[in-house]
């Protein structure tokens, strides 16, 4: 599973640099000093309209050898025949350097880490059809640690690449295949904009099976309408949005909710106090509660982090008052639990088998 990820890396490095006591006093500043670029944002040209016609611009697509999105744990297999859905997956932040505001497309460390994310996250979709996951000039991790205007410029550049990749995806899959859109963290942020700007109210919307906007908060009152789709209310519903942010208990979501409450929704109104869209991945429905016995399988990484085994019945889930997904005490799935009992890194892997079944169920629905 992913060896390094977002706040995990920042948190662990801060501990190594300064020790636990120093981190508690100056931790956030240390993280910013380490990861926020110290140089101005560098203007870069937009991606060419035909850039994503090249196979090397994709981390995953049907004709790539060694496609990381085709990984499965023992007992599962990716789809062996052509057809099914066309899945567009936007990977989370894998570029952690403070050297620049956006990842170079050729950065090996960022690309290798992104491939790991595809194994643990995009793999849930590989039975449903063919997965397309673009490389893009993602905003660096430090962009999420500052309010500087350069951070938004970095995100805008990254989103521009995603738009060009999505247009290429649509050209290459044809006009009649069902579509699944998915992402995590920064990828899910870009997906919210993609739904609003490029899918809502277009012919593409009629082809959408579901949008898995995981690991990024979506306001039920201030975002959904502009995104063009309702939250999923039934486990077999098509044309809807699923979203969750996972915390063990006791949960301290202040790092997430404080930022969320300062933000403006897609309707131009403050998100403060509004409820998040919360899909329970164990049931595929909104604002639900389910016991651990409903969990078909959680990924548990091997000691060398090179593979993972799947175990059923380990993790319950319930949607809390604000719309966070709460899982009780929380399993030992690795050391990368973030401050506040935030299981962000494991948003997909905690419910891997259920999400896989959810995709199949919605695809088969009529």
Foldseek 3Di string as FASTA:
>chain_A
DQPDDQVLVLQVVLCVVPNDVVCVVCVLVSSLVFFAAPDFADDDDFDDLCNLVDPLQWLFWDPDPPRLLQADAPPDGFAPDAAFAEEEEEEAAQARHNNHQWDDLPDPRSSVSSSVRSNQFSNLCRNRHIYTYGRFRATHSSLVSDPDPRSVVRLVRRLSRVVSNVVVSDVPPDDDHAYEYEYAHSRLVSVLVCLLPPNAPDPNLVRFLEYESEHAWDFQVFRPVSSRADAFAALQDGSHYAYAWEFEPPFDCCVRLVVQQQDAGPNRHGSHPTATFAAQLLGRHTQAWDAQQSQQWAWAADPVNPGTHIDGSDWTWGQDDRGHIYTYRDDPRDDRQHPRRTPSVRRCRGRSNSNSVSSVSNSPHD
